[in-house]
Amino acid sequence: MVPAIISLFATTVGGFGFAVLMAGFIGAYQVDRHVFGWYGLPQWFLRMRFILTCAVVVLLALTVIAGNVRG
């Protein structure tokens, strides 16, 4: 529910939408890291979640850079 609200908010804030999305993905990873032990998730899950979060944040940042370079 919260990720959907964050993405909805990101579409309404204009130029800061990508920053809101990056913060949302990082926040979701932090929540997963804290509840990792409670749910008994396998060890590979947290590692995969970290790699995917890094990839998404880097790609969003590259999108912002490319949009600003291109004009």
N, C-alpha and C. Protein backbone atom coordinates (compact mmCIF):
# COMPACT_ATOMS: atom_id res chain seq x y z
N MET A 1 0.80 -1.19 0.00
CA MET A 1 0.00 0.00 0.00
C MET A 1 0.86 1.26 0.00
N VAL A 2 1.89 1.28 0.84
CA VAL A 2 2.75 2.47 0.93
C VAL A 2 3.51 2.72 -0.37
N PRO A 3 4.09 1.69 -1.03
CA PRO A 3 4.76 1.97 -2.30
C PRO A 3 3.84 2.57 -3.35
N ALA A 4 2.58 2.17 -3.37
CA ALA A 4 1.64 2.75 -4.32
C ALA A 4 1.38 4.21 -4.01
N ILE A 5 1.31 4.56 -2.75
CA ILE A 5 1.10 5.96 -2.36
C ILE A 5 2.33 6.79 -2.72
N ILE A 6 3.52 6.24 -2.51
CA ILE A 6 4.74 6.95 -2.86
C ILE A 6 4.80 7.20 -4.36
N SER A 7 4.47 6.20 -5.15
CA SER A 7 4.52 6.39 -6.60
C SER A 7 3.46 7.38 -7.07
N LEU A 8 2.31 7.38 -6.45
CA LEU A 8 1.29 8.36 -6.78
C LEU A 8 1.75 9.77 -6.43
N PHE A 9 2.36 9.91 -5.29
CA PHE A 9 2.90 11.20 -4.88
C PHE A 9 4.02 11.65 -5.82
N ALA A 10 4.84 10.71 -6.30
CA ALA A 10 5.95 11.06 -7.20
C ALA A 10 5.44 11.64 -8.51
N THR A 11 4.27 11.23 -8.93
CA THR A 11 3.74 11.77 -10.19
C THR A 11 3.18 13.17 -10.03
N THR A 12 2.93 13.59 -8.80
CA THR A 12 2.32 14.90 -8.58
C THR A 12 3.31 15.98 -8.18
N VAL A 13 4.55 15.63 -7.85
CA VAL A 13 5.49 16.63 -7.34
C VAL A 13 6.33 17.27 -8.44
N GLY A 14 6.08 16.94 -9.67
CA GLY A 14 6.79 17.59 -10.77
C GLY A 14 8.21 17.12 -10.92
N GLY A 15 9.15 18.07 -10.87
CA GLY A 15 10.55 17.77 -11.14
C GLY A 15 11.24 16.90 -10.11
N PHE A 16 10.65 16.78 -8.93
CA PHE A 16 11.27 15.97 -7.89
C PHE A 16 10.73 14.55 -7.85
N GLY A 17 9.99 14.15 -8.84
CA GLY A 17 9.39 12.82 -8.86
C GLY A 17 10.41 11.70 -8.84
N PHE A 18 11.50 11.87 -9.58
CA PHE A 18 12.52 10.83 -9.58
C PHE A 18 13.20 10.72 -8.22
N ALA A 19 13.41 11.85 -7.56
CA ALA A 19 14.01 11.82 -6.22
C ALA A 19 13.07 11.13 -5.23
N VAL A 20 11.78 11.37 -5.37
CA VAL A 20 10.80 10.71 -4.49
C VAL A 20 10.83 9.21 -4.74
N LEU A 21 10.90 8.81 -6.01
CA LEU A 21 10.96 7.37 -6.31
C LEU A 21 12.23 6.73 -5.76
N MET A 22 13.37 7.42 -5.92
CA MET A 22 14.62 6.88 -5.39
C MET A 22 14.54 6.72 -3.87
N ALA A 23 14.01 7.73 -3.20
CA ALA A 23 13.87 7.64 -1.74
C ALA A 23 12.90 6.52 -1.35
N GLY A 24 11.85 6.34 -2.13
CA GLY A 24 10.89 5.26 -1.86
C GLY A 24 11.51 3.88 -1.98
N PHE A 25 12.32 3.69 -3.02
CA PHE A 25 12.98 2.38 -3.19
C PHE A 25 13.99 2.13 -2.07
N ILE A 26 14.74 3.17 -1.70
CA ILE A 26 15.70 3.00 -0.62
C ILE A 26 14.98 2.73 0.70
N GLY A 27 13.87 3.43 0.93
CA GLY A 27 13.08 3.19 2.13
C GLY A 27 12.49 1.78 2.17
N ALA A 28 12.03 1.30 1.03
CA ALA A 28 11.48 -0.06 0.98
C ALA A 28 12.57 -1.10 1.28
N TYR A 29 13.79 -0.85 0.80
CA TYR A 29 14.89 -1.76 1.11
C TYR A 29 15.20 -1.74 2.61
N GLN A 30 15.17 -0.56 3.20
CA GLN A 30 15.45 -0.45 4.63
C GLN A 30 14.40 -1.22 5.45
N VAL A 31 13.16 -1.12 5.05
CA VAL A 31 12.10 -1.87 5.74
C VAL A 31 12.34 -3.37 5.58
N ASP A 32 12.66 -3.81 4.37
CA ASP A 32 12.93 -5.23 4.15
C ASP A 32 14.11 -5.70 4.99
N ARG A 33 15.11 -4.85 5.13
CA ARG A 33 16.28 -5.22 5.92
C ARG A 33 15.93 -5.40 7.39
N HIS A 34 15.02 -4.55 7.88
CA HIS A 34 14.65 -4.64 9.30
C HIS A 34 13.72 -5.81 9.59
N VAL A 35 12.84 -6.16 8.67
CA VAL A 35 11.90 -7.26 8.92
C VAL A 35 12.41 -8.59 8.37
N PHE A 36 13.63 -8.60 7.85
CA PHE A 36 14.22 -9.79 7.27
C PHE A 36 14.18 -10.97 8.24
N GLY A 37 14.59 -10.76 9.47
CA GLY A 37 14.64 -11.85 10.45
C GLY A 37 13.28 -12.29 10.93
N TRP A 38 12.33 -11.37 10.99
CA TRP A 38 11.01 -11.70 11.50
C TRP A 38 10.28 -12.70 10.63
N TYR A 39 10.45 -12.58 9.32
CA TYR A 39 9.71 -13.43 8.39
C TYR A 39 10.47 -14.69 8.00
N GLY A 40 11.68 -14.84 8.46
CA GLY A 40 12.45 -16.04 8.15
C GLY A 40 12.75 -16.20 6.67
N LEU A 41 13.05 -15.09 6.03
CA LEU A 41 13.33 -15.13 4.60
C LEU A 41 14.71 -15.75 4.35
N PRO A 42 14.91 -16.37 3.19
CA PRO A 42 16.22 -16.96 2.90
C PRO A 42 17.29 -15.86 2.76
N GLN A 43 18.54 -16.24 2.99
CA GLN A 43 19.65 -15.30 2.98
C GLN A 43 19.81 -14.61 1.62
N TRP A 44 19.55 -15.31 0.53
CA TRP A 44 19.74 -14.73 -0.79
C TRP A 44 18.75 -13.60 -1.07
N PHE A 45 17.63 -13.57 -0.36
CA PHE A 45 16.61 -12.55 -0.61
C PHE A 45 17.14 -11.15 -0.34
N LEU A 46 17.79 -10.97 0.79
CA LEU A 46 18.28 -9.64 1.14
C LEU A 46 19.38 -9.19 0.18
N ARG A 47 20.23 -10.11 -0.22
CA ARG A 47 21.29 -9.78 -1.18
C ARG A 47 20.68 -9.39 -2.54
N MET A 48 19.69 -10.15 -2.99
CA MET A 48 19.03 -9.83 -4.26
C MET A 48 18.30 -8.50 -4.17
N ARG A 49 17.64 -8.26 -3.04
CA ARG A 49 16.90 -7.00 -2.85
C ARG A 49 17.84 -5.81 -2.89
N PHE A 50 19.05 -5.95 -2.30
CA PHE A 50 20.04 -4.88 -2.32
C PHE A 50 20.51 -4.60 -3.74
N ILE A 51 20.81 -5.64 -4.49
CA ILE A 51 21.28 -5.47 -5.87
C ILE A 51 20.21 -4.82 -6.73
N LEU A 52 18.97 -5.26 -6.61
CA LEU A 52 17.88 -4.68 -7.39
C LEU A 52 17.61 -3.23 -7.00
N THR A 53 17.67 -2.92 -5.72
CA THR A 53 17.47 -1.55 -5.28
C THR A 53 18.57 -0.64 -5.82
N CYS A 54 19.82 -1.09 -5.75
CA CYS A 54 20.93 -0.30 -6.31
C CYS A 54 20.75 -0.09 -7.80
N ALA A 55 20.34 -1.12 -8.51
CA ALA A 55 20.15 -0.99 -9.96
C ALA A 55 19.05 0.02 -10.28
N VAL A 56 17.95 -0.03 -9.57
CA VAL A 56 16.84 0.88 -9.83
C VAL A 56 17.25 2.32 -9.53
N VAL A 57 17.93 2.54 -8.40
CA VAL A 57 18.32 3.90 -8.03
C VAL A 57 19.34 4.45 -9.03
N VAL A 58 20.29 3.64 -9.46
CA VAL A 58 21.27 4.09 -10.46
C VAL A 58 20.58 4.41 -11.78
N LEU A 59 19.66 3.57 -12.20
CA LEU A 59 18.98 3.83 -13.47
C LEU A 59 18.08 5.06 -13.40
N LEU A 60 17.44 5.29 -12.28
CA LEU A 60 16.66 6.52 -12.13
C LEU A 60 17.56 7.75 -12.15
N ALA A 61 18.71 7.66 -11.50
CA ALA A 61 19.65 8.78 -11.51
C ALA A 61 20.18 9.03 -12.92
N LEU A 62 20.48 7.97 -13.66
CA LEU A 62 20.94 8.13 -15.04
C LEU A 62 19.86 8.74 -15.93
N THR A 63 18.62 8.42 -15.66
CA THR A 63 17.52 9.01 -16.40
C THR A 63 17.45 10.52 -16.15
N VAL A 64 17.62 10.91 -14.92
CA VAL A 64 17.61 12.34 -14.60
C VAL A 64 18.78 13.05 -15.27
N ILE A 65 19.95 12.44 -15.22
CA ILE A 65 21.13 13.04 -15.85
C ILE A 65 20.93 13.14 -17.35
N ALA A 66 20.45 12.08 -17.97
CA ALA A 66 20.24 12.09 -19.42
C ALA A 66 19.19 13.13 -19.81
N GLY A 67 18.16 13.27 -19.03
CA GLY A 67 17.13 14.27 -19.32
C GLY A 67 17.67 15.68 -19.22
N ASN A 68 18.58 15.91 -18.31
CA ASN A 68 19.15 17.25 -18.15
C ASN A 68 20.22 17.55 -19.19
N VAL A 69 20.95 16.55 -19.63
CA VAL A 69 21.97 16.77 -20.66
C VAL A 69 21.30 17.03 -22.01
N ARG A 70 20.27 16.28 -22.30
CA ARG A 70 19.60 16.39 -23.58
C ARG A 70 18.78 17.66 -23.70
N GLY A 71 18.31 18.16 -22.58
CA GLY A 71 17.58 19.41 -22.59
C GLY A 71 16.16 19.16 -22.41
